[in-house]
Amino acid sequence: MSGSTVNPSEVLAKAISRAAVVLDINENQLAAILGVDIAFLAVAIEPASCTGLRALQLIRIYQRLSAITGNDNAAMSQWMTTTNRRFDCSPRELMQTAEGLDEVTSYLDSL
């Protein structure tokens, strides 16, 4: 058995980075969504922190979109970057505020 332990903060940081790539969210947009300075993106994200909760919410959005699209990365990216009539902007734009992140999450949860 290995002596290494799993650090939830590092796991969350890696997961959010991978989700952002699939969802076509660049570093500046991700920093805005998480409410942090871009320099903090490479740092571990504590799951119980405000930033961690926003990161977990983005992971939830990724999971819902993955389920809806049958794990079609191109479709997920297109949905995120295309203006949505319900939002009057793209989900990616809307998610850059806490309220917008909540709205996108609620919308996907309702589908």
Protein backbone atom coordinates (compact mmCIF):
# COMPACT_ATOMS: atom_id res chain seq x y z
CA MET A 1 0.00 0.00 0.00
CA SER A 2 1.32 3.41 -0.96
CA GLY A 3 2.12 6.04 1.63
CA SER A 4 0.51 8.80 -0.42
CA THR A 5 -2.84 10.20 0.56
CA VAL A 6 -5.50 11.79 -1.56
CA ASN A 7 -5.84 15.52 -0.97
CA PRO A 8 -9.45 16.60 -1.73
CA SER A 9 -8.29 20.16 -2.39
CA GLU A 10 -5.87 19.04 -5.09
CA VAL A 11 -8.42 16.64 -6.59
CA LEU A 12 -10.99 19.44 -6.85
CA ALA A 13 -8.45 21.79 -8.48
CA LYS A 14 -7.60 19.16 -11.10
CA ALA A 15 -11.26 18.28 -11.70
CA ILE A 16 -12.29 21.88 -12.18
CA SER A 17 -9.41 22.45 -14.59
CA ARG A 18 -10.45 19.45 -16.70
CA ALA A 19 -14.12 20.46 -16.65
CA ALA A 20 -13.21 24.00 -17.75
CA VAL A 21 -11.35 22.65 -20.80
CA VAL A 22 -14.34 20.55 -21.90
CA LEU A 23 -16.78 23.41 -21.25
CA ASP A 24 -14.60 25.83 -23.26
CA ILE A 25 -13.96 28.09 -20.27
CA ASN A 26 -10.61 29.89 -20.35
CA GLU A 27 -8.54 30.78 -17.28
CA ASN A 28 -9.86 34.35 -17.01
CA GLN A 29 -13.46 33.13 -17.21
CA LEU A 30 -12.79 30.35 -14.71
CA ALA A 31 -11.25 32.83 -12.29
CA ALA A 32 -14.36 35.02 -12.61
CA ILE A 33 -16.69 32.03 -12.11
CA LEU A 34 -14.79 30.94 -9.00
CA GLY A 35 -14.42 34.49 -7.72
CA VAL A 36 -10.64 34.34 -7.42
CA ASP A 37 -7.60 35.98 -8.93
CA ILE A 38 -6.22 34.04 -11.90
CA ALA A 39 -3.00 33.34 -9.93
CA PHE A 40 -4.99 31.11 -7.54
CA LEU A 41 -6.22 28.71 -10.22
CA ALA A 42 -3.16 26.48 -9.97
CA VAL A 43 -3.51 26.26 -6.18
CA ALA A 44 -5.53 23.58 -4.42
CA ILE A 45 -9.18 24.52 -3.85
CA GLU A 46 -10.60 23.75 -0.41
CA PRO A 47 -14.00 22.10 -1.07
CA ALA A 48 -15.70 23.72 1.95
CA SER A 49 -14.59 27.26 1.02
CA CYS A 50 -16.72 29.70 -0.97
CA THR A 51 -14.45 29.10 -3.96
CA GLY A 52 -14.71 25.35 -3.42
CA LEU A 53 -18.50 25.47 -3.34
CA ARG A 54 -18.53 27.41 -6.61
CA ALA A 55 -16.09 24.88 -8.09
CA LEU A 56 -18.34 22.01 -6.99
CA GLN A 57 -21.27 23.81 -8.61
CA LEU A 58 -19.34 24.04 -11.88
CA ILE A 59 -18.56 20.31 -11.63
CA ARG A 60 -22.31 19.71 -11.19
CA ILE A 61 -23.01 21.75 -14.33
CA TYR A 62 -20.42 19.67 -16.17
CA GLN A 63 -22.02 16.43 -14.95
CA ARG A 64 -25.55 17.54 -15.95
CA LEU A 65 -24.39 18.62 -19.41
CA SER A 66 -22.47 15.38 -19.82
CA ALA A 67 -25.60 13.39 -18.98
CA ILE A 68 -27.81 15.49 -21.26
CA THR A 69 -25.42 15.34 -24.24
CA GLY A 70 -24.35 11.72 -23.83
CA ASN A 71 -20.84 12.92 -22.91
CA ASP A 72 -20.46 14.78 -26.22
CA ASN A 73 -17.73 17.31 -25.48
CA ALA A 74 -18.41 19.34 -28.64
CA ALA A 75 -22.12 19.64 -27.77
CA MET A 76 -21.26 20.63 -24.20
CA SER A 77 -18.89 23.34 -25.42
CA GLN A 78 -21.43 24.60 -27.94
CA TRP A 79 -24.17 24.84 -25.30
CA MET A 80 -21.86 26.78 -22.99
CA THR A 81 -20.74 29.29 -25.63
CA THR A 82 -23.97 29.89 -27.58
CA THR A 83 -26.43 32.61 -26.62
CA ASN A 84 -29.33 31.01 -24.80
CA ARG A 85 -32.77 32.62 -25.22
CA ARG A 86 -33.57 31.98 -21.57
CA PHE A 87 -30.47 33.83 -20.39
CA ASP A 88 -30.05 36.46 -23.18
CA CYS A 89 -26.36 35.56 -23.21
CA SER A 90 -24.26 32.42 -23.22
CA PRO A 91 -24.27 30.27 -20.08
CA ARG A 92 -20.50 30.79 -19.90
CA GLU A 93 -21.05 34.57 -19.68
CA LEU A 94 -23.86 34.28 -17.14
CA MET A 95 -21.88 31.97 -14.85
CA GLN A 96 -19.27 34.65 -14.15
CA THR A 97 -21.40 35.89 -11.24
CA ALA A 98 -22.60 33.84 -8.27
CA GLU A 99 -26.23 34.54 -9.21
CA GLY A 100 -25.57 33.50 -12.80
CA LEU A 101 -23.89 30.29 -11.69
CA ASP A 102 -26.96 29.53 -9.57
CA GLU A 103 -29.27 30.30 -12.50
CA VAL A 104 -27.44 27.98 -14.91
CA THR A 105 -27.35 25.22 -12.28
CA SER A 106 -31.07 25.57 -11.58
CA TYR A 107 -31.87 25.58 -15.29
CA LEU A 108 -29.94 22.37 -15.95
CA ASP A 109 -31.38 20.72 -12.85
CA SER A 110 -34.88 21.47 -14.15
CA LEU A 111 -34.29 19.62 -17.44
